[in-house]
N, C-alpha and C. Protein backbone atom coordinates (compact mmCIF):
# COMPACT_ATOMS: atom_id res chain seq x y z
N MET A 1 -14.20 -9.40 -0.94
CA MET A 1 -13.08 -8.47 -0.81
C MET A 1 -11.86 -9.15 -0.20
N ARG A 2 -12.07 -9.98 0.82
CA ARG A 2 -10.95 -10.63 1.49
C ARG A 2 -10.26 -11.66 0.60
N GLU A 3 -10.90 -12.03 -0.49
CA GLU A 3 -10.31 -13.03 -1.37
C GLU A 3 -9.44 -12.38 -2.45
N LEU A 4 -9.41 -11.06 -2.50
CA LEU A 4 -8.65 -10.39 -3.55
C LEU A 4 -7.15 -10.49 -3.32
N THR A 5 -6.44 -10.73 -4.40
CA THR A 5 -4.98 -10.77 -4.38
C THR A 5 -4.46 -9.43 -4.87
N PHE A 6 -3.40 -8.95 -4.26
CA PHE A 6 -2.76 -7.70 -4.65
C PHE A 6 -1.47 -8.05 -5.38
N TRP A 7 -1.39 -7.70 -6.66
CA TRP A 7 -0.21 -8.05 -7.47
C TRP A 7 0.89 -7.03 -7.21
N THR A 8 1.96 -7.47 -6.58
CA THR A 8 3.12 -6.62 -6.37
C THR A 8 4.31 -7.50 -6.01
N THR A 9 5.49 -7.04 -6.33
CA THR A 9 6.71 -7.71 -5.88
C THR A 9 7.24 -7.04 -4.62
N ASN A 10 6.53 -5.99 -4.16
CA ASN A 10 6.97 -5.18 -3.04
C ASN A 10 6.14 -5.53 -1.80
N SER A 11 6.73 -6.26 -0.86
CA SER A 11 6.00 -6.67 0.34
C SER A 11 5.61 -5.47 1.20
N HIS A 12 6.40 -4.39 1.16
CA HIS A 12 6.06 -3.17 1.90
C HIS A 12 4.76 -2.57 1.37
N LYS A 13 4.61 -2.55 0.06
CA LYS A 13 3.40 -2.00 -0.56
C LYS A 13 2.18 -2.85 -0.20
N LEU A 14 2.36 -4.17 -0.17
CA LEU A 14 1.27 -5.06 0.22
C LEU A 14 0.84 -4.80 1.66
N GLN A 15 1.82 -4.66 2.56
CA GLN A 15 1.50 -4.41 3.97
C GLN A 15 0.85 -3.05 4.15
N GLU A 16 1.38 -2.05 3.46
CA GLU A 16 0.81 -0.70 3.54
C GLU A 16 -0.65 -0.70 3.07
N SER A 17 -0.92 -1.37 1.98
CA SER A 17 -2.28 -1.42 1.44
C SER A 17 -3.21 -2.17 2.40
N SER A 18 -2.71 -3.25 3.00
CA SER A 18 -3.51 -3.98 3.98
C SER A 18 -3.81 -3.11 5.19
N ASN A 19 -2.82 -2.34 5.65
CA ASN A 19 -3.03 -1.44 6.79
C ASN A 19 -4.04 -0.36 6.47
N ILE A 20 -3.99 0.17 5.27
CA ILE A 20 -4.92 1.22 4.85
C ILE A 20 -6.34 0.68 4.82
N LEU A 21 -6.50 -0.52 4.28
CA LEU A 21 -7.84 -1.11 4.14
C LEU A 21 -8.33 -1.82 5.40
N TRP A 22 -7.45 -2.00 6.37
CA TRP A 22 -7.76 -2.69 7.63
C TRP A 22 -8.13 -4.15 7.39
N ILE A 23 -7.65 -4.74 6.32
CA ILE A 23 -7.83 -6.17 6.08
C ILE A 23 -6.51 -6.71 5.55
N GLU A 24 -6.33 -7.99 5.66
CA GLU A 24 -5.10 -8.59 5.16
C GLU A 24 -5.32 -9.02 3.71
N LEU A 25 -4.75 -8.24 2.79
CA LEU A 25 -4.83 -8.63 1.39
C LEU A 25 -3.93 -9.83 1.16
N LYS A 26 -4.32 -10.68 0.24
CA LYS A 26 -3.53 -11.85 -0.08
C LYS A 26 -2.40 -11.47 -1.02
N TRP A 27 -1.32 -12.23 -0.92
CA TRP A 27 -0.27 -12.09 -1.90
C TRP A 27 -0.48 -13.21 -2.89
N TYR A 28 0.37 -14.20 -2.96
CA TYR A 28 0.22 -15.26 -3.94
C TYR A 28 0.15 -16.60 -3.26
N THR A 29 -0.71 -17.48 -3.77
CA THR A 29 -0.76 -18.84 -3.27
C THR A 29 0.37 -19.64 -3.94
N LYS A 30 0.57 -20.84 -3.48
CA LYS A 30 1.57 -21.72 -4.09
C LYS A 30 1.23 -21.96 -5.56
N GLU A 31 -0.07 -22.13 -5.84
CA GLU A 31 -0.52 -22.35 -7.22
C GLU A 31 -0.26 -21.11 -8.08
N ASP A 32 -0.49 -19.91 -7.49
CA ASP A 32 -0.21 -18.67 -8.22
C ASP A 32 1.26 -18.59 -8.61
N LEU A 33 2.12 -18.92 -7.66
CA LEU A 33 3.56 -18.84 -7.92
C LEU A 33 3.98 -19.80 -9.02
N GLU A 34 3.34 -20.97 -9.09
CA GLU A 34 3.63 -21.91 -10.17
C GLU A 34 3.22 -21.32 -11.53
N LYS A 35 2.04 -20.69 -11.57
CA LYS A 35 1.57 -20.06 -12.82
C LYS A 35 2.49 -18.91 -13.22
N ILE A 36 2.90 -18.12 -12.24
CA ILE A 36 3.81 -17.00 -12.51
C ILE A 36 5.14 -17.52 -13.04
N LYS A 37 5.62 -18.60 -12.42
CA LYS A 37 6.89 -19.20 -12.86
C LYS A 37 6.77 -19.73 -14.29
N GLU A 38 5.66 -20.41 -14.56
CA GLU A 38 5.44 -20.94 -15.92
C GLU A 38 5.37 -19.82 -16.95
N ALA A 39 4.77 -18.71 -16.57
CA ALA A 39 4.64 -17.58 -17.49
C ALA A 39 5.94 -16.78 -17.59
N CYS A 40 6.94 -17.13 -16.74
CA CYS A 40 8.21 -16.38 -16.68
C CYS A 40 7.94 -14.89 -16.48
N TRP A 41 7.04 -14.60 -15.55
CA TRP A 41 6.60 -13.23 -15.43
C TRP A 41 6.40 -12.82 -13.99
N TRP A 42 7.46 -12.89 -13.19
CA TRP A 42 7.33 -12.47 -11.79
C TRP A 42 7.03 -10.98 -11.72
N ASP A 43 7.79 -10.22 -12.43
CA ASP A 43 7.60 -8.77 -12.45
C ASP A 43 7.07 -8.40 -13.83
N LEU A 44 5.82 -8.02 -13.92
CA LEU A 44 5.21 -7.72 -15.21
C LEU A 44 6.03 -6.71 -16.00
N LYS A 45 6.16 -6.95 -17.26
CA LYS A 45 6.83 -6.00 -18.15
C LYS A 45 5.80 -4.97 -18.58
N GLU A 46 5.87 -3.80 -17.99
CA GLU A 46 4.86 -2.78 -18.26
C GLU A 46 5.01 -2.20 -19.66
N ILE A 47 3.88 -1.88 -20.26
CA ILE A 47 3.92 -1.16 -21.51
C ILE A 47 4.43 0.25 -21.22
N GLN A 48 5.03 0.88 -22.18
CA GLN A 48 5.50 2.26 -22.03
C GLN A 48 4.45 3.19 -22.63
N SER A 49 3.91 4.04 -21.80
CA SER A 49 2.84 4.93 -22.25
C SER A 49 2.85 6.17 -21.38
N MET A 50 2.37 7.27 -21.92
CA MET A 50 2.19 8.50 -21.14
C MET A 50 0.90 8.42 -20.33
N ASP A 51 0.09 7.43 -20.58
CA ASP A 51 -1.23 7.29 -19.96
C ASP A 51 -1.18 6.18 -18.91
N ILE A 52 -1.17 6.57 -17.61
CA ILE A 52 -1.08 5.56 -16.56
C ILE A 52 -2.32 4.68 -16.52
N ILE A 53 -3.46 5.22 -16.90
CA ILE A 53 -4.67 4.40 -16.93
C ILE A 53 -4.48 3.24 -17.91
N GLU A 54 -3.90 3.53 -19.06
CA GLU A 54 -3.61 2.47 -20.03
C GLU A 54 -2.63 1.45 -19.44
N ILE A 55 -1.65 1.91 -18.68
CA ILE A 55 -0.65 1.02 -18.08
C ILE A 55 -1.31 0.08 -17.06
N VAL A 56 -2.12 0.64 -16.14
CA VAL A 56 -2.71 -0.23 -15.11
C VAL A 56 -3.76 -1.16 -15.68
N LYS A 57 -4.49 -0.72 -16.69
CA LYS A 57 -5.48 -1.61 -17.32
C LYS A 57 -4.77 -2.79 -17.98
N ARG A 58 -3.69 -2.52 -18.67
CA ARG A 58 -2.95 -3.59 -19.33
C ARG A 58 -2.34 -4.55 -18.30
N LYS A 59 -1.81 -3.98 -17.22
CA LYS A 59 -1.23 -4.80 -16.16
C LYS A 59 -2.31 -5.71 -15.54
N ALA A 60 -3.50 -5.14 -15.28
CA ALA A 60 -4.60 -5.92 -14.70
C ALA A 60 -5.02 -7.05 -15.63
N LYS A 61 -5.07 -6.79 -16.91
CA LYS A 61 -5.45 -7.82 -17.90
C LYS A 61 -4.38 -8.90 -17.99
N ASP A 62 -3.11 -8.49 -18.02
CA ASP A 62 -2.02 -9.46 -18.09
C ASP A 62 -2.02 -10.38 -16.87
N VAL A 63 -2.24 -9.81 -15.69
CA VAL A 63 -2.28 -10.62 -14.47
C VAL A 63 -3.47 -11.58 -14.50
N PHE A 64 -4.61 -11.08 -14.95
CA PHE A 64 -5.80 -11.94 -15.07
C PHE A 64 -5.50 -13.12 -16.00
N ASP A 65 -4.82 -12.85 -17.11
CA ASP A 65 -4.49 -13.91 -18.06
C ASP A 65 -3.58 -14.97 -17.44
N ILE A 66 -2.71 -14.55 -16.51
CA ILE A 66 -1.79 -15.50 -15.86
C ILE A 66 -2.50 -16.30 -14.76
N LEU A 67 -3.24 -15.60 -13.88
CA LEU A 67 -3.81 -16.25 -12.70
C LEU A 67 -5.25 -16.73 -12.90
N GLY A 68 -5.93 -16.20 -13.92
CA GLY A 68 -7.28 -16.64 -14.20
C GLY A 68 -8.34 -16.11 -13.25
N ARG A 69 -8.05 -15.00 -12.59
CA ARG A 69 -9.02 -14.37 -11.69
C ARG A 69 -8.67 -12.89 -11.52
N PRO A 70 -9.64 -12.09 -11.06
CA PRO A 70 -9.36 -10.67 -10.85
C PRO A 70 -8.32 -10.45 -9.76
N VAL A 71 -7.42 -9.52 -10.00
CA VAL A 71 -6.34 -9.20 -9.07
C VAL A 71 -6.19 -7.67 -9.06
N ILE A 72 -5.94 -7.11 -7.88
CA ILE A 72 -5.71 -5.66 -7.77
C ILE A 72 -4.29 -5.34 -8.22
N VAL A 73 -4.15 -4.33 -9.07
CA VAL A 73 -2.84 -3.80 -9.43
C VAL A 73 -2.86 -2.30 -9.21
N GLU A 74 -1.70 -1.71 -9.06
CA GLU A 74 -1.66 -0.26 -8.90
C GLU A 74 -0.37 0.30 -9.47
N ASP A 75 -0.41 1.59 -9.75
CA ASP A 75 0.77 2.29 -10.26
C ASP A 75 0.63 3.75 -9.88
N THR A 76 1.77 4.41 -9.69
CA THR A 76 1.77 5.82 -9.29
C THR A 76 2.63 6.62 -10.26
N GLY A 77 2.15 7.80 -10.59
CA GLY A 77 2.90 8.74 -11.41
C GLY A 77 3.08 10.05 -10.67
N TYR A 78 4.14 10.77 -11.01
CA TYR A 78 4.41 12.08 -10.40
C TYR A 78 4.44 13.11 -11.51
N PHE A 79 3.84 14.25 -11.24
CA PHE A 79 3.65 15.26 -12.27
C PHE A 79 4.04 16.63 -11.72
N ILE A 80 5.17 17.16 -12.19
CA ILE A 80 5.63 18.48 -11.77
C ILE A 80 5.02 19.49 -12.72
N ASP A 81 4.14 20.33 -12.19
CA ASP A 81 3.36 21.24 -13.03
C ASP A 81 4.25 22.11 -13.93
N SER A 82 5.30 22.71 -13.35
CA SER A 82 6.11 23.65 -14.11
C SER A 82 7.06 22.98 -15.10
N LEU A 83 7.18 21.68 -15.05
CA LEU A 83 8.05 20.94 -15.99
C LEU A 83 7.20 20.13 -16.96
N TRP A 84 6.06 20.66 -17.32
CA TRP A 84 5.15 20.00 -18.26
C TRP A 84 4.81 18.59 -17.79
N TRP A 85 4.62 18.45 -16.49
CA TRP A 85 4.18 17.22 -15.82
C TRP A 85 5.22 16.11 -15.79
N PHE A 86 6.47 16.44 -16.11
CA PHE A 86 7.57 15.48 -15.95
C PHE A 86 7.59 15.00 -14.49
N PRO A 87 7.91 13.75 -14.19
CA PRO A 87 8.31 12.65 -15.06
C PRO A 87 7.16 11.74 -15.51
N TRP A 88 5.93 12.17 -15.35
CA TRP A 88 4.78 11.39 -15.79
C TRP A 88 4.79 10.00 -15.16
N PRO A 89 4.43 8.95 -15.91
CA PRO A 89 4.43 7.62 -15.30
C PRO A 89 5.82 7.00 -15.19
N PHE A 90 6.84 7.70 -15.65
CA PHE A 90 8.17 7.10 -15.72
C PHE A 90 9.01 7.36 -14.48
N VAL A 91 8.36 7.66 -13.37
CA VAL A 91 9.08 8.04 -12.15
C VAL A 91 10.05 6.95 -11.69
N LYS A 92 9.69 5.68 -11.83
CA LYS A 92 10.60 4.64 -11.32
C LYS A 92 11.90 4.58 -12.10
N TYR A 93 11.89 5.05 -13.34
CA TYR A 93 13.13 5.09 -14.11
C TYR A 93 13.97 6.31 -13.75
N ILE A 94 13.29 7.35 -13.28
CA ILE A 94 13.98 8.58 -12.90
C ILE A 94 14.63 8.44 -11.54
N VAL A 95 13.93 7.84 -10.57
CA VAL A 95 14.44 7.79 -9.20
C VAL A 95 15.37 6.62 -8.95
N ASP A 96 15.60 5.79 -9.94
CA ASP A 96 16.44 4.62 -9.76
C ASP A 96 17.90 4.99 -9.93
N GLY A 97 18.45 5.62 -8.92
CA GLY A 97 19.85 6.02 -8.96
C GLY A 97 20.12 7.09 -7.93
N PRO A 98 21.35 7.17 -7.44
CA PRO A 98 21.67 8.09 -6.34
C PRO A 98 21.64 9.56 -6.71
N ALA A 99 21.78 9.89 -7.98
CA ALA A 99 21.89 11.29 -8.37
C ALA A 99 20.55 11.95 -8.68
N TRP A 100 19.46 11.21 -8.60
CA TRP A 100 18.19 11.76 -9.06
C TRP A 100 17.73 12.94 -8.22
N ILE A 101 17.89 12.90 -6.89
CA ILE A 101 17.45 14.02 -6.05
C ILE A 101 18.24 15.27 -6.37
N GLU A 102 19.54 15.12 -6.52
CA GLU A 102 20.39 16.26 -6.86
C GLU A 102 19.95 16.88 -8.19
N THR A 103 19.66 16.05 -9.16
CA THR A 103 19.21 16.53 -10.47
C THR A 103 17.86 17.24 -10.36
N LEU A 104 16.93 16.65 -9.62
CA LEU A 104 15.62 17.26 -9.43
C LEU A 104 15.75 18.65 -8.82
N PHE A 105 16.55 18.79 -7.79
CA PHE A 105 16.67 20.09 -7.12
C PHE A 105 17.41 21.10 -7.99
N LYS A 106 18.32 20.65 -8.83
CA LYS A 106 18.96 21.57 -9.79
C LYS A 106 17.93 22.07 -10.79
N MET A 107 17.07 21.16 -11.26
CA MET A 107 16.04 21.55 -12.23
C MET A 107 15.07 22.56 -11.63
N MET A 108 14.83 22.47 -10.33
CA MET A 108 13.83 23.32 -9.69
C MET A 108 14.43 24.57 -9.03
N ALA A 109 15.74 24.74 -9.11
CA ALA A 109 16.43 25.79 -8.35
C ALA A 109 15.84 27.19 -8.55
N TRP A 110 15.50 27.55 -9.77
CA TRP A 110 15.01 28.91 -10.04
C TRP A 110 13.53 28.91 -10.38
N ASN A 111 12.86 27.86 -10.03
CA ASN A 111 11.48 27.71 -10.42
C ASN A 111 10.54 28.12 -9.28
N PRO A 112 9.71 29.15 -9.47
CA PRO A 112 8.82 29.56 -8.38
C PRO A 112 7.65 28.60 -8.15
N ASP A 113 7.23 27.88 -9.19
CA ASP A 113 6.13 26.93 -9.02
C ASP A 113 6.71 25.56 -8.71
N ARG A 114 6.62 25.16 -7.45
CA ARG A 114 7.24 23.92 -6.99
C ARG A 114 6.18 22.84 -6.72
N THR A 115 5.04 22.96 -7.39
CA THR A 115 3.93 22.02 -7.19
C THR A 115 4.20 20.70 -7.91
N ILE A 116 3.96 19.62 -7.21
CA ILE A 116 4.04 18.28 -7.81
C ILE A 116 2.82 17.49 -7.34
N ARG A 117 2.23 16.78 -8.26
CA ARG A 117 1.07 15.95 -7.93
C ARG A 117 1.46 14.49 -8.04
N ALA A 118 1.06 13.72 -7.03
CA ALA A 118 1.27 12.27 -7.05
C ALA A 118 -0.10 11.64 -7.23
N ILE A 119 -0.24 10.81 -8.25
CA ILE A 119 -1.52 10.17 -8.53
C ILE A 119 -1.31 8.66 -8.59
N THR A 120 -2.08 7.95 -7.77
CA THR A 120 -2.05 6.48 -7.77
C THR A 120 -3.32 5.97 -8.42
N TRP A 121 -3.17 5.06 -9.36
CA TRP A 121 -4.30 4.39 -9.99
C TRP A 121 -4.33 2.95 -9.54
N VAL A 122 -5.51 2.46 -9.23
CA VAL A 122 -5.73 1.05 -8.88
C VAL A 122 -6.65 0.48 -9.94
N SER A 123 -6.36 -0.73 -10.40
CA SER A 123 -7.19 -1.33 -11.44
C SER A 123 -7.43 -2.80 -11.16
N MET A 124 -8.52 -3.29 -11.74
CA MET A 124 -8.85 -4.71 -11.69
C MET A 124 -9.55 -5.06 -13.00
N TYR A 125 -9.26 -6.24 -13.51
CA TYR A 125 -9.90 -6.72 -14.74
C TYR A 125 -10.67 -7.98 -14.40
N ASP A 126 -11.91 -8.06 -14.89
CA ASP A 126 -12.75 -9.23 -14.63
C ASP A 126 -13.42 -9.66 -15.92
N TRP A 127 -12.83 -10.63 -16.58
CA TRP A 127 -13.28 -11.20 -17.85
C TRP A 127 -13.31 -10.19 -18.99
N ASP A 128 -14.26 -9.31 -19.04
CA ASP A 128 -14.29 -8.36 -20.15
C ASP A 128 -14.46 -6.92 -19.66
N LYS A 129 -14.31 -6.70 -18.37
CA LYS A 129 -14.57 -5.38 -17.80
C LYS A 129 -13.37 -4.89 -17.00
N TYR A 130 -12.97 -3.66 -17.28
CA TYR A 130 -11.93 -3.01 -16.50
C TYR A 130 -12.58 -2.07 -15.49
N THR A 131 -12.00 -2.02 -14.30
CA THR A 131 -12.41 -1.04 -13.31
C THR A 131 -11.15 -0.31 -12.87
N VAL A 132 -11.21 1.01 -12.87
CA VAL A 132 -10.03 1.82 -12.53
C VAL A 132 -10.45 2.88 -11.52
N TRP A 133 -9.65 3.05 -10.49
CA TRP A 133 -9.87 4.07 -9.47
C TRP A 133 -8.57 4.84 -9.28
N TYR A 134 -8.66 6.04 -8.66
CA TYR A 134 -7.43 6.79 -8.44
C TYR A 134 -7.53 7.67 -7.20
N GLY A 135 -6.35 8.08 -6.71
CA GLY A 135 -6.24 9.03 -5.62
C GLY A 135 -5.12 10.00 -5.94
N GLU A 136 -5.31 11.27 -5.61
CA GLU A 136 -4.33 12.31 -5.96
C GLU A 136 -3.96 13.10 -4.73
N LEU A 137 -2.68 13.40 -4.59
CA LEU A 137 -2.16 14.21 -3.49
C LEU A 137 -1.27 15.30 -4.07
N GLU A 138 -1.54 16.53 -3.68
CA GLU A 138 -0.72 17.64 -4.17
C GLU A 138 0.37 17.94 -3.15
N TRP A 139 1.60 17.96 -3.64
CA TRP A 139 2.76 18.20 -2.80
C TRP A 139 3.47 19.46 -3.27
N ARG A 140 4.54 19.77 -2.55
CA ARG A 140 5.42 20.87 -2.91
C ARG A 140 6.85 20.35 -2.80
N ILE A 141 7.69 20.77 -3.73
CA ILE A 141 9.11 20.42 -3.66
C ILE A 141 9.80 21.48 -2.80
N PRO A 142 10.35 21.11 -1.64
CA PRO A 142 11.00 22.11 -0.78
C PRO A 142 12.28 22.64 -1.41
N GLU A 143 12.89 23.61 -0.75
CA GLU A 143 14.13 24.21 -1.27
C GLU A 143 15.28 23.20 -1.31
N LYS A 144 15.29 22.26 -0.37
CA LYS A 144 16.31 21.21 -0.37
C LYS A 144 15.71 19.95 0.25
N PRO A 145 16.26 18.78 -0.06
CA PRO A 145 15.71 17.54 0.49
C PRO A 145 15.88 17.48 2.01
N ARG A 146 14.93 16.82 2.65
CA ARG A 146 14.99 16.68 4.11
C ARG A 146 14.90 15.20 4.47
N GLY A 147 16.03 14.65 4.91
CA GLY A 147 16.09 13.24 5.28
C GLY A 147 16.44 12.38 4.08
N ASP A 148 16.62 11.08 4.34
CA ASP A 148 16.99 10.18 3.24
C ASP A 148 16.38 8.80 3.42
N LYS A 149 15.14 8.74 3.86
CA LYS A 149 14.50 7.46 4.19
C LYS A 149 14.43 6.54 2.98
N PHE A 150 13.76 6.95 1.90
CA PHE A 150 13.75 6.15 0.68
C PHE A 150 13.20 6.99 -0.47
N TRP A 151 13.69 6.72 -1.63
CA TRP A 151 13.22 7.33 -2.87
C TRP A 151 12.87 8.79 -2.71
N TRP A 152 11.59 9.10 -2.98
CA TRP A 152 11.13 10.48 -3.06
C TRP A 152 10.62 11.02 -1.74
N SER A 153 10.60 10.22 -0.68
CA SER A 153 9.94 10.63 0.55
C SER A 153 10.58 11.83 1.23
N ASN A 154 11.82 12.13 0.91
CA ASN A 154 12.47 13.29 1.51
C ASN A 154 12.46 14.51 0.59
N ALA A 155 11.95 14.37 -0.62
CA ALA A 155 12.03 15.45 -1.60
C ALA A 155 10.71 16.18 -1.80
N PHE A 156 9.62 15.63 -1.35
CA PHE A 156 8.31 16.26 -1.55
C PHE A 156 7.63 16.41 -0.19
N GLU A 157 7.02 17.58 0.03
CA GLU A 157 6.30 17.78 1.27
C GLU A 157 4.82 17.98 1.00
N VAL A 158 4.02 17.44 1.89
CA VAL A 158 2.58 17.62 1.80
C VAL A 158 2.29 19.08 2.12
N LYS A 159 1.58 19.77 1.22
CA LYS A 159 1.42 21.23 1.33
C LYS A 159 0.87 21.68 2.67
N TRP A 160 -0.21 21.07 3.13
CA TRP A 160 -0.85 21.59 4.35
C TRP A 160 -0.13 21.17 5.63
N LEU A 161 0.83 20.22 5.53
CA LEU A 161 1.59 19.80 6.71
C LEU A 161 2.95 20.48 6.81
N ASN A 162 3.47 20.93 5.66
CA ASN A 162 4.85 21.43 5.59
C ASN A 162 5.85 20.38 6.09
N LYS A 163 5.53 19.12 5.84
CA LYS A 163 6.41 18.01 6.20
C LYS A 163 6.50 17.05 5.02
N THR A 164 7.68 16.45 4.87
CA THR A 164 7.84 15.41 3.86
C THR A 164 7.33 14.09 4.44
N PHE A 165 7.16 13.11 3.56
CA PHE A 165 6.76 11.78 4.05
C PHE A 165 7.83 11.22 4.99
N TRP A 166 9.08 11.61 4.81
CA TRP A 166 10.16 11.14 5.68
C TRP A 166 9.98 11.67 7.09
N GLU A 167 9.34 12.84 7.23
CA GLU A 167 9.21 13.49 8.54
C GLU A 167 7.95 13.13 9.30
N ILE A 168 7.13 12.25 8.75
CA ILE A 168 5.94 11.80 9.46
C ILE A 168 6.00 10.29 9.67
N THR A 169 5.18 9.79 10.55
CA THR A 169 5.18 8.36 10.84
C THR A 169 4.48 7.59 9.71
N GLU A 170 4.70 6.30 9.70
CA GLU A 170 4.04 5.43 8.72
C GLU A 170 2.52 5.51 8.88
N GLU A 171 2.06 5.57 10.11
CA GLU A 171 0.62 5.66 10.37
C GLU A 171 0.05 6.96 9.83
N GLU A 172 0.77 8.08 10.06
CA GLU A 172 0.32 9.37 9.53
C GLU A 172 0.29 9.35 8.01
N LYS A 173 1.31 8.75 7.41
CA LYS A 173 1.37 8.68 5.95
C LYS A 173 0.19 7.88 5.40
N ASN A 174 -0.13 6.78 6.06
CA ASN A 174 -1.23 5.94 5.59
C ASN A 174 -2.58 6.64 5.70
N GLN A 175 -2.67 7.67 6.52
CA GLN A 175 -3.92 8.41 6.65
C GLN A 175 -4.14 9.39 5.50
N ILE A 176 -3.06 9.82 4.84
CA ILE A 176 -3.20 10.89 3.84
C ILE A 176 -2.68 10.54 2.45
N SER A 177 -2.09 9.38 2.29
CA SER A 177 -1.40 9.07 1.03
C SER A 177 -2.34 8.94 -0.15
N MET A 178 -1.80 9.13 -1.34
CA MET A 178 -2.57 8.97 -2.57
C MET A 178 -2.98 7.51 -2.75
N ARG A 179 -2.17 6.57 -2.23
CA ARG A 179 -2.55 5.16 -2.29
C ARG A 179 -3.81 4.92 -1.46
N LYS A 180 -3.88 5.56 -0.28
CA LYS A 180 -5.09 5.41 0.54
C LYS A 180 -6.31 5.95 -0.21
N LEU A 181 -6.17 7.13 -0.80
CA LEU A 181 -7.30 7.72 -1.52
C LEU A 181 -7.76 6.81 -2.65
N ALA A 182 -6.81 6.24 -3.38
CA ALA A 182 -7.16 5.34 -4.49
C ALA A 182 -7.82 4.07 -3.98
N LEU A 183 -7.30 3.49 -2.90
CA LEU A 183 -7.86 2.25 -2.38
C LEU A 183 -9.25 2.47 -1.78
N LEU A 184 -9.46 3.62 -1.12
CA LEU A 184 -10.78 3.91 -0.58
C LEU A 184 -11.79 4.11 -1.71
N ASP A 185 -11.35 4.75 -2.79
CA ASP A 185 -12.21 4.92 -3.97
C ASP A 185 -12.53 3.54 -4.55
N PHE A 186 -11.53 2.66 -4.57
CA PHE A 186 -11.71 1.29 -5.05
C PHE A 186 -12.78 0.56 -4.24
N ILE A 187 -12.67 0.61 -2.91
CA ILE A 187 -13.63 -0.08 -2.05
C ILE A 187 -15.04 0.48 -2.23
N LYS A 188 -15.14 1.80 -2.27
CA LYS A 188 -16.45 2.44 -2.42
C LYS A 188 -17.12 2.00 -3.71
N ASN A 189 -16.38 2.03 -4.80
CA ASN A 189 -16.94 1.67 -6.09
C ASN A 189 -17.18 0.17 -6.23
N LEU A 190 -16.34 -0.64 -5.60
CA LEU A 190 -16.52 -2.08 -5.65
C LEU A 190 -17.81 -2.48 -4.93
N SER A 191 -18.08 -1.81 -3.81
CA SER A 191 -19.29 -2.14 -3.03
C SER A 191 -20.56 -1.68 -3.75
N GLU A 192 -20.42 -0.71 -4.67
CA GLU A 192 -21.59 -0.21 -5.41
C GLU A 192 -21.88 -1.04 -6.64
N GLN A 193 -20.98 -1.93 -7.02
CA GLN A 193 -21.18 -2.73 -8.25
C GLN A 193 -22.07 -3.92 -7.99
């Protein structure tokens, strides 16, 4: 387990995942970086699909092909029940801009069902076998955003806390996040294999 590399360009995500698992996940060795450079693929070009499982499996396989060993990859999608599960896996394209929160709240202004689900999938590929795990957290979109820490953290509140991720500490978030649920599922299933 301690030898596993976590594929991400986001150092915050790597640290968060290490904190959740209580171990220091590896990033990339010097040799890995050379392979990544040769492949011209620092940030994997994700396939476009409505199926996040298909996305993470492909990402895991692509990384395996570059580094020659199993590597953990993950992806998160957001699904607003009353908007036919929009934005699906395309959340990073939706939230990449200053007007996205304003647009989201306009879309939800007259909507009584403000449920949104965040689902994180973790995947690993090992020669000819894919392993996929996930964690799901049900949130609620409040009447207006609270705070402006980053991305979506001020726009969704955890139902049973009545607080957004912006309003809780990093430690509290790591105790309940969908990433934690997915990573714990990953560890449980990895130890059973």
